[in-house]
Amino acid sequence: MIAWPPDEKMNVASTDNLARFRKTAVAKELEEDSHTWRFQCWAWTSYGPWKWILHSDTHRLVTVTMEEDGQYVVKYAEPDLAGFAN
């Protein structure tokens, strides 16, 4: 599940960017995950590239970077790189 930022913390560009993120396969995957994912940061500009960083309640980190053409790259940090050993 994704814990989405509250509307009052959003401007027009960030609202549009989160809508853009919601359409990605990775967003759908994280929404279906049994863990809670929270945004560490999200894109606030109306121009790309846009970046979103989320972390889970198990300290897993994922970074999604999207170009203006809609292509995006997903990078999951290994737990030990985030300072946690499993």
PDB file of N, CA and C in Angstrom:
ATOM      1  N   MET A   1       0.843  -1.172   0.000  1.00  0.00           N
ATOM      2  CA  MET A   1       0.000   0.000   0.000  1.00  0.00           C
ATOM      3  C   MET A   1       0.891   1.239   0.000  1.00  0.00           C
ATOM      4  N   ILE A   2       0.431   2.281  -0.653  1.00  0.00           N
ATOM      5  CA  ILE A   2       1.152   3.558  -0.663  1.00  0.00           C
ATOM      6  C   ILE A   2       0.398   4.539   0.225  1.00  0.00           C
ATOM      7  N   ALA A   3       1.118   5.193   1.115  1.00  0.00           N
ATOM      8  CA  ALA A   3       0.556   6.285   1.917  1.00  0.00           C
ATOM      9  C   ALA A   3       0.780   7.565   1.114  1.00  0.00           C
ATOM     10  N   TRP A   4      -0.273   8.043   0.458  1.00  0.00           N
ATOM     11  CA  TRP A   4      -0.163   9.210  -0.417  1.00  0.00           C
ATOM     12  C   TRP A   4      -0.081  10.482   0.411  1.00  0.00           C
ATOM     13  N   PRO A   5       0.695  11.471  -0.037  1.00  0.00           N
ATOM     14  CA  PRO A   5       0.797  12.746   0.695  1.00  0.00           C
ATOM     15  C   PRO A   5      -0.574  13.423   0.788  1.00  0.00           C
ATOM     16  N   PRO A   6      -0.822  14.131   1.887  1.00  0.00           N
ATOM     17  CA  PRO A   6      -2.095  14.832   2.023  1.00  0.00           C
ATOM     18  C   PRO A   6      -2.219  15.970   1.004  1.00  0.00           C
ATOM     19  N   ASP A   7      -3.442  16.204   0.544  1.00  0.00           N
ATOM     20  CA  ASP A   7      -3.695  17.226  -0.473  1.00  0.00           C
ATOM     21  C   ASP A   7      -3.190  18.604  -0.067  1.00  0.00           C
ATOM     22  N   GLU A   8      -3.252  18.928   1.214  1.00  0.00           N
ATOM     23  CA  GLU A   8      -2.841  20.263   1.649  1.00  0.00           C
ATOM     24  C   GLU A   8      -1.332  20.491   1.526  1.00  0.00           C
ATOM     25  N   LYS A   9      -0.557  19.438   1.310  1.00  0.00           N
ATOM     26  CA  LYS A   9       0.888  19.585   1.118  1.00  0.00           C
ATOM     27  C   LYS A   9       1.261  19.672  -0.358  1.00  0.00           C
ATOM     28  N   MET A  10       0.268  19.744  -1.220  1.00  0.00           N
ATOM     29  CA  MET A  10       0.502  19.662  -2.647  1.00  0.00           C
ATOM     30  C   MET A  10       0.266  20.997  -3.342  1.00  0.00           C
ATOM     31  N   ASN A  11       1.052  21.236  -4.394  1.00  0.00           N
ATOM     32  CA  ASN A  11       0.748  22.328  -5.312  1.00  0.00           C
ATOM     33  C   ASN A  11       0.239  21.699  -6.603  1.00  0.00           C
ATOM     34  N   VAL A  12      -0.134  22.495  -7.577  1.00  0.00           N
ATOM     35  CA  VAL A  12      -0.710  21.959  -8.813  1.00  0.00           C
ATOM     36  C   VAL A  12       0.266  21.019  -9.513  1.00  0.00           C
ATOM     37  N   ALA A  13       1.521  21.418  -9.607  1.00  0.00           N
ATOM     38  CA  ALA A  13       2.510  20.586 -10.309  1.00  0.00           C
ATOM     39  C   ALA A  13       2.710  19.251  -9.591  1.00  0.00           C
ATOM     40  N   SER A  14       2.804  19.265  -8.266  1.00  0.00           N
ATOM     41  CA  SER A  14       3.031  18.007  -7.558  1.00  0.00           C
ATOM     42  C   SER A  14       1.801  17.105  -7.621  1.00  0.00           C
ATOM     43  N   THR A  15       0.616  17.683  -7.633  1.00  0.00           N
ATOM     44  CA  THR A  15      -0.602  16.886  -7.808  1.00  0.00           C
ATOM     45  C   THR A  15      -0.584  16.198  -9.172  1.00  0.00           C
ATOM     46  N   ASP A  16      -0.219  16.935 -10.204  1.00  0.00           N
ATOM     47  CA  ASP A  16      -0.115  16.359 -11.552  1.00  0.00           C
ATOM     48  C   ASP A  16       0.953  15.269 -11.602  1.00  0.00           C
ATOM     49  N   ASN A  17       2.064  15.497 -10.917  1.00  0.00           N
ATOM     50  CA  ASN A  17       3.160  14.534 -10.935  1.00  0.00           C
ATOM     51  C   ASN A  17       2.798  13.246 -10.202  1.00  0.00           C
ATOM     52  N   LEU A  18       2.074  13.357  -9.105  1.00  0.00           N
ATOM     53  CA  LEU A  18       1.641  12.144  -8.421  1.00  0.00           C
ATOM     54  C   LEU A  18       0.619  11.386  -9.269  1.00  0.00           C
ATOM     55  N   ALA A  19      -0.212  12.103 -10.000  1.00  0.00           N
ATOM     56  CA  ALA A  19      -1.138  11.449 -10.929  1.00  0.00           C
ATOM     57  C   ALA A  19      -0.347  10.711 -12.012  1.00  0.00           C
ATOM     58  N   ARG A  20       0.741  11.306 -12.458  1.00  0.00           N
ATOM     59  CA  ARG A  20       1.622  10.690 -13.459  1.00  0.00           C
ATOM     60  C   ARG A  20       2.233   9.414 -12.870  1.00  0.00           C
ATOM     61  N   PHE A  21       2.695   9.501 -11.624  1.00  0.00           N
ATOM     62  CA  PHE A  21       3.293   8.347 -10.953  1.00  0.00           C
ATOM     63  C   PHE A  21       2.268   7.223 -10.763  1.00  0.00           C
ATOM     64  N   ARG A  22       1.028   7.574 -10.403  1.00  0.00           N
ATOM     65  CA  ARG A  22      -0.023   6.571 -10.163  1.00  0.00           C
ATOM     66  C   ARG A  22      -0.265   5.679 -11.376  1.00  0.00           C
ATOM     67  N   LYS A  23       0.023   6.172 -12.569  1.00  0.00           N
ATOM     68  CA  LYS A  23      -0.224   5.419 -13.803  1.00  0.00           C
ATOM     69  C   LYS A  23       0.871   4.398 -14.109  1.00  0.00           C
ATOM     70  N   THR A  24       1.952   4.406 -13.342  1.00  0.00           N
ATOM     71  CA  THR A  24       3.065   3.499 -13.625  1.00  0.00           C
ATOM     72  C   THR A  24       2.794   2.104 -13.061  1.00  0.00           C
ATOM     73  N   ALA A  25       3.447   1.131 -13.659  1.00  0.00           N
ATOM     74  CA  ALA A  25       3.338  -0.245 -13.170  1.00  0.00           C
ATOM     75  C   ALA A  25       3.920  -0.370 -11.765  1.00  0.00           C
ATOM     76  N   VAL A  26       4.981   0.376 -11.477  1.00  0.00           N
ATOM     77  CA  VAL A  26       5.591   0.284 -10.144  1.00  0.00           C
ATOM     78  C   VAL A  26       4.635   0.811  -9.073  1.00  0.00           C
ATOM     79  N   ALA A  27       3.871   1.848  -9.363  1.00  0.00           N
ATOM     80  CA  ALA A  27       2.889   2.349  -8.397  1.00  0.00           C
ATOM     81  C   ALA A  27       1.832   1.290  -8.125  1.00  0.00           C
ATOM     82  N   LYS A  28       1.372   0.631  -9.161  1.00  0.00           N
ATOM     83  CA  LYS A  28       0.378  -0.431  -8.995  1.00  0.00           C
ATOM     84  C   LYS A  28       0.949  -1.576  -8.172  1.00  0.00           C
ATOM     85  N   GLU A  29       2.215  -1.897  -8.409  1.00  0.00           N
ATOM     86  CA  GLU A  29       2.888  -2.960  -7.657  1.00  0.00           C
ATOM     87  C   GLU A  29       3.001  -2.599  -6.174  1.00  0.00           C
ATOM     88  N   LEU A  30       3.409  -1.367  -5.890  1.00  0.00           N
ATOM     89  CA  LEU A  30       3.549  -0.936  -4.501  1.00  0.00           C
ATOM     90  C   LEU A  30       2.202  -0.844  -3.809  1.00  0.00           C
ATOM     91  N   GLU A  31       1.156  -0.445  -4.528  1.00  0.00           N
ATOM     92  CA  GLU A  31      -0.197  -0.387  -3.951  1.00  0.00           C
ATOM     93  C   GLU A  31      -0.669  -1.769  -3.515  1.00  0.00           C
ATOM     94  N   GLU A  32      -0.268  -2.792  -4.249  1.00  0.00           N
ATOM     95  CA  GLU A  32      -0.682  -4.159  -3.936  1.00  0.00           C
ATOM     96  C   GLU A  32       0.219  -4.836  -2.914  1.00  0.00           C
ATOM     97  N   ASP A  33       1.333  -4.219  -2.581  1.00  0.00           N
ATOM     98  CA  ASP A  33       2.267  -4.780  -1.606  1.00  0.00           C
ATOM     99  C   ASP A  33       1.627  -4.777  -0.223  1.00  0.00           C
ATOM    100  N   SER A  34       1.945  -5.769   0.579  1.00  0.00           N
ATOM    101  CA  SER A  34       1.394  -5.834   1.939  1.00  0.00           C
ATOM    102  C   SER A  34       2.069  -4.840   2.878  1.00  0.00           C
ATOM    103  N   HIS A  35       3.214  -4.313   2.456  1.00  0.00           N
ATOM    104  CA  HIS A  35       3.923  -3.317   3.266  1.00  0.00           C
ATOM    105  C   HIS A  35       3.447  -1.915   2.911  1.00  0.00           C
ATOM    106  N   THR A  36       3.649  -0.995   3.836  1.00  0.00           N
ATOM    107  CA  THR A  36       3.280   0.404   3.591  1.00  0.00           C
ATOM    108  C   THR A  36       4.485   1.143   3.029  1.00  0.00           C
ATOM    109  N   TRP A  37       4.251   1.827   1.915  1.00  0.00           N
ATOM    110  CA  TRP A  37       5.275   2.634   1.263  1.00  0.00           C
ATOM    111  C   TRP A  37       4.921   4.104   1.455  1.00  0.00           C
ATOM    112  N   ARG A  38       5.912   4.894   1.881  1.00  0.00           N
ATOM    113  CA  ARG A  38       5.715   6.326   2.093  1.00  0.00           C
ATOM    114  C   ARG A  38       6.685   7.106   1.213  1.00  0.00           C
ATOM    115  N   PHE A  39       6.222   8.262   0.762  1.00  0.00           N
ATOM    116  CA  PHE A  39       7.076   9.110  -0.054  1.00  0.00           C
ATOM    117  C   PHE A  39       8.113   9.796   0.820  1.00  0.00           C
ATOM    118  N   GLN A  40       9.363   9.661   0.421  1.00  0.00           N
ATOM    119  CA  GLN A  40      10.449  10.401   1.051  1.00  0.00           C
ATOM    120  C   GLN A  40      10.578  11.744   0.343  1.00  0.00           C
ATOM    121  N   CYS A  41      10.362  11.727  -0.976  1.00  0.00           N
ATOM    122  CA  CYS A  41      10.296  12.966  -1.749  1.00  0.00           C
ATOM    123  C   CYS A  41       9.516  12.696  -3.018  1.00  0.00           C
ATOM    124  N   TRP A  42       8.985  13.763  -3.592  1.00  0.00           N
ATOM    125  CA  TRP A  42       8.255  13.655  -4.849  1.00  0.00           C
ATOM    126  C   TRP A  42       8.503  14.901  -5.671  1.00  0.00           C
ATOM    127  N   ALA A  43       8.228  14.795  -6.957  1.00  0.00           N
ATOM    128  CA  ALA A  43       8.517  15.876  -7.905  1.00  0.00           C
ATOM    129  C   ALA A  43       7.562  17.052  -7.713  1.00  0.00           C
ATOM    130  N   TRP A  44       8.126  18.261  -7.672  1.00  0.00           N
ATOM    131  CA  TRP A  44       7.347  19.486  -7.469  1.00  0.00           C
ATOM    132  C   TRP A  44       7.372  20.414  -8.672  1.00  0.00           C
ATOM    133  N   THR A  45       7.993  19.983  -9.762  1.00  0.00           N
ATOM    134  CA  THR A  45       8.115  20.862 -10.930  1.00  0.00           C
ATOM    135  C   THR A  45       7.221  20.387 -12.065  1.00  0.00           C
ATOM    136  N   SER A  46       6.895  21.292 -12.969  1.00  0.00           N
ATOM    137  CA  SER A  46       6.028  20.939 -14.093  1.00  0.00           C
ATOM    138  C   SER A  46       6.821  20.388 -15.275  1.00  0.00           C
ATOM    139  N   TYR A  47       8.131  20.337 -15.175  1.00  0.00           N
ATOM    140  CA  TYR A  47       8.981  19.828 -16.252  1.00  0.00           C
ATOM    141  C   TYR A  47       9.812  18.664 -15.721  1.00  0.00           C
ATOM    142  N   GLY A  48      10.129  17.732 -16.604  1.00  0.00           N
ATOM    143  CA  GLY A  48      10.901  16.557 -16.217  1.00  0.00           C
ATOM    144  C   GLY A  48      12.390  16.795 -16.323  1.00  0.00           C
ATOM    145  N   PRO A  49      13.175  15.846 -15.898  1.00  0.00           N
ATOM    146  CA  PRO A  49      12.730  14.559 -15.384  1.00  0.00           C
ATOM    147  C   PRO A  49      12.140  14.700 -13.970  1.00  0.00           C
ATOM    148  N   TRP A  50      11.226  13.775 -13.664  1.00  0.00           N
ATOM    149  CA  TRP A  50      10.582  13.767 -12.348  1.00  0.00           C
ATOM    150  C   TRP A  50      11.127  12.594 -11.559  1.00  0.00           C
ATOM    151  N   LYS A  51      11.276  12.795 -10.251  1.00  0.00           N
ATOM    152  CA  LYS A  51      11.800  11.729  -9.397  1.00  0.00           C
ATOM    153  C   LYS A  51      10.905  11.582  -8.179  1.00  0.00           C
ATOM    154  N   TRP A  52      10.651  10.321  -7.836  1.00  0.00           N
ATOM    155  CA  TRP A  52       9.915   9.985  -6.627  1.00  0.00           C
ATOM    156  C   TRP A  52      10.747   8.963  -5.862  1.00  0.00           C
ATOM    157  N   ILE A  53      10.877   9.172  -4.568  1.00  0.00           N
ATOM    158  CA  ILE A  53      11.594   8.215  -3.721  1.00  0.00           C
ATOM    159  C   ILE A  53      10.628   7.778  -2.627  1.00  0.00           C
ATOM    160  N   LEU A  54      10.478   6.470  -2.483  1.00  0.00           N
ATOM    161  CA  LEU A  54       9.599   5.912  -1.467  1.00  0.00           C
ATOM    162  C   LEU A  54      10.376   4.930  -0.608  1.00  0.00           C
ATOM    163  N   HIS A  55       9.968   4.800   0.645  1.00  0.00           N
ATOM    164  CA  HIS A  55      10.557   3.796   1.518  1.00  0.00           C
ATOM    165  C   HIS A  55       9.435   3.003   2.176  1.00  0.00           C
ATOM    166  N   SER A  56       9.720   1.760   2.456  1.00  0.00           N
ATOM    167  CA  SER A  56       8.709   0.881   3.032  1.00  0.00           C
ATOM    168  C   SER A  56       8.888   0.790   4.543  1.00  0.00           C
ATOM    169  N   ASP A  57       7.896   0.201   5.191  1.00  0.00           N
ATOM    170  CA  ASP A  57       7.990  -0.008   6.635  1.00  0.00           C
ATOM    171  C   ASP A  57       9.036  -1.062   6.986  1.00  0.00           C
ATOM    172  N   THR A  58       9.590  -1.731   5.974  1.00  0.00           N
ATOM    173  CA  THR A  58      10.690  -2.681   6.192  1.00  0.00           C
ATOM    174  C   THR A  58      12.021  -2.065   5.763  1.00  0.00           C
ATOM    175  N   HIS A  59      12.033  -0.748   5.570  1.00  0.00           N
ATOM    176  CA  HIS A  59      13.242   0.023   5.247  1.00  0.00           C
ATOM    177  C   HIS A  59      13.776  -0.249   3.845  1.00  0.00           C
ATOM    178  N   ARG A  60      12.927  -0.708   2.951  1.00  0.00           N
ATOM    179  CA  ARG A  60      13.314  -0.874   1.553  1.00  0.00           C
ATOM    180  C   ARG A  60      13.125   0.465   0.865  1.00  0.00           C
ATOM    181  N   LEU A  61      13.989   0.814  -0.053  1.00  0.00           N
ATOM    182  CA  LEU A  61      13.956   2.100  -0.736  1.00  0.00           C
ATOM    183  C   LEU A  61      13.812   1.875  -2.235  1.00  0.00           C
ATOM    184  N   VAL A  62      12.923   2.647  -2.870  1.00  0.00           N
ATOM    185  CA  VAL A  62      12.765   2.583  -4.321  1.00  0.00           C
ATOM    186  C   VAL A  62      12.778   4.009  -4.866  1.00  0.00           C
ATOM    187  N   THR A  63      13.485   4.192  -5.970  1.00  0.00           N
ATOM    188  CA  THR A  63      13.553   5.475  -6.663  1.00  0.00           C
ATOM    189  C   THR A  63      13.002   5.277  -8.072  1.00  0.00           C
ATOM    190  N   VAL A  64      12.071   6.154  -8.447  1.00  0.00           N
ATOM    191  CA  VAL A  64      11.503   6.124  -9.789  1.00  0.00           C
ATOM    192  C   VAL A  64      11.821   7.467 -10.439  1.00  0.00           C
ATOM    193  N   THR A  65      12.459   7.429 -11.592  1.00  0.00           N
ATOM    194  CA  THR A  65      12.793   8.638 -12.337  1.00  0.00           C
ATOM    195  C   THR A  65      12.132   8.541 -13.708  1.00  0.00           C
ATOM    196  N   MET A  66      11.338   9.568 -14.053  1.00  0.00           N
ATOM    197  CA  MET A  66      10.600   9.565 -15.314  1.00  0.00           C
ATOM    198  C   MET A  66      11.023  10.745 -16.177  1.00  0.00           C
ATOM    199  N   GLU A  67      11.257  10.444 -17.449  1.00  0.00           N
ATOM    200  CA  GLU A  67      11.551  11.478 -18.433  1.00  0.00           C
ATOM    201  C   GLU A  67      10.240  12.056 -18.966  1.00  0.00           C
ATOM    202  N   GLU A  68      10.330  13.185 -19.640  1.00  0.00           N
ATOM    203  CA  GLU A  68       9.129  13.835 -20.167  1.00  0.00           C
ATOM    204  C   GLU A  68       8.406  12.997 -21.213  1.00  0.00           C
ATOM    205  N   ASP A  69       9.100  12.059 -21.857  1.00  0.00           N
ATOM    206  CA  ASP A  69       8.450  11.195 -22.846  1.00  0.00           C
ATOM    207  C   ASP A  69       7.690  10.028 -22.209  1.00  0.00           C
ATOM    208  N   GLY A  70       7.709   9.959 -20.868  1.00  0.00           N
ATOM    209  CA  GLY A  70       6.976   8.913 -20.149  1.00  0.00           C
ATOM    210  C   GLY A  70       7.802   7.683 -19.814  1.00  0.00           C
ATOM    211  N   GLN A  71       9.015   7.591 -20.341  1.00  0.00           N
ATOM    212  CA  GLN A  71       9.892   6.468 -20.007  1.00  0.00           C
ATOM    213  C   GLN A  71      10.411   6.657 -18.591  1.00  0.00           C
ATOM    214  N   TYR A  72      10.458   5.576 -17.828  1.00  0.00           N
ATOM    215  CA  TYR A  72      10.956   5.703 -16.463  1.00  0.00           C
ATOM    216  C   TYR A  72      11.862   4.540 -16.085  1.00  0.00           C
ATOM    217  N   VAL A  73      12.687   4.791 -15.070  1.00  0.00           N
ATOM    218  CA  VAL A  73      13.628   3.815 -14.543  1.00  0.00           C
ATOM    219  C   VAL A  73      13.302   3.623 -13.073  1.00  0.00           C
ATOM    220  N   VAL A  74      13.305   2.372 -12.642  1.00  0.00           N
ATOM    221  CA  VAL A  74      13.030   2.026 -11.252  1.00  0.00           C
ATOM    222  C   VAL A  74      14.284   1.415 -10.654  1.00  0.00           C
ATOM    223  N   LYS A  75      14.685   1.908  -9.485  1.00  0.00           N
ATOM    224  CA  LYS A  75      15.852   1.355  -8.800  1.00  0.00           C
ATOM    225  C   LYS A  75      15.472   1.042  -7.361  1.00  0.00           C
ATOM    226  N   TYR A  76      15.628  -0.226  -6.995  1.00  0.00           N
ATOM    227  CA  TYR A  76      15.427  -0.645  -5.604  1.00  0.00           C
ATOM    228  C   TYR A  76      16.791  -0.706  -4.944  1.00  0.00           C
ATOM    229  N   ALA A  77      16.933  -0.101  -3.790  1.00  0.00           N
ATOM    230  CA  ALA A  77      18.178  -0.172  -3.040  1.00  0.00           C
ATOM    231  C   ALA A  77      18.208  -1.505  -2.296  1.00  0.00           C
ATOM    232  N   GLU A  78      19.366  -2.106  -2.284  1.00  0.00           N
ATOM    233  CA  GLU A  78      19.518  -3.315  -1.494  1.00  0.00           C
ATOM    234  C   GLU A  78      19.410  -2.942  -0.019  1.00  0.00           C
ATOM    235  N   PRO A  79      18.762  -3.773   0.797  1.00  0.00           N
ATOM    236  CA  PRO A  79      18.580  -3.420   2.213  1.00  0.00           C
ATOM    237  C   PRO A  79      19.877  -3.059   2.929  1.00  0.00           C
ATOM    238  N   ASP A  80      20.996  -3.768   2.621  1.00  0.00           N
ATOM    239  CA  ASP A  80      22.240  -3.447   3.303  1.00  0.00           C
ATOM    240  C   ASP A  80      22.786  -2.092   2.880  1.00  0.00           C
ATOM    241  N   LEU A  81      22.471  -1.625   1.653  1.00  0.00           N
ATOM    242  CA  LEU A  81      22.899  -0.303   1.215  1.00  0.00           C
ATOM    243  C   LEU A  81      22.127   0.805   1.940  1.00  0.00           C
ATOM    244  N   ALA A  82      20.926   0.472   2.403  1.00  0.00           N
ATOM    245  CA  ALA A  82      20.114   1.444   3.134  1.00  0.00           C
ATOM    246  C   ALA A  82      20.463   1.430   4.622  1.00  0.00           C
ATOM    247  N   GLY A  83      21.462   0.615   5.003  1.00  0.00           N
ATOM    248  CA  GLY A  83      21.884   0.579   6.406  1.00  0.00           C
ATOM    249  C   GLY A  83      21.192  -0.490   7.226  1.00  0.00           C
ATOM    250  N   PHE A  84      20.505  -1.401   6.576  1.00  0.00           N
ATOM    251  CA  PHE A  84      19.788  -2.452   7.288  1.00  0.00           C
ATOM    252  C   PHE A  84      20.178  -3.809   6.721  1.00  0.00           C
ATOM    253  N   ALA A  85      20.470  -4.739   7.553  1.00  0.00           N
ATOM    254  CA  ALA A  85      20.793  -6.088   7.110  1.00  0.00           C
ATOM    255  C   ALA A  85      19.609  -6.996   7.424  1.00  0.00           C
ATOM    256  N   ASN A  86      19.225  -7.782   6.446  1.00  0.00           N
ATOM    257  CA  ASN A  86      18.120  -8.737   6.653  1.00  0.00           C
ATOM    258  C   ASN A  86      18.621 -10.152   6.568  1.00  0.00           C
TER     259      ASN A  86
END
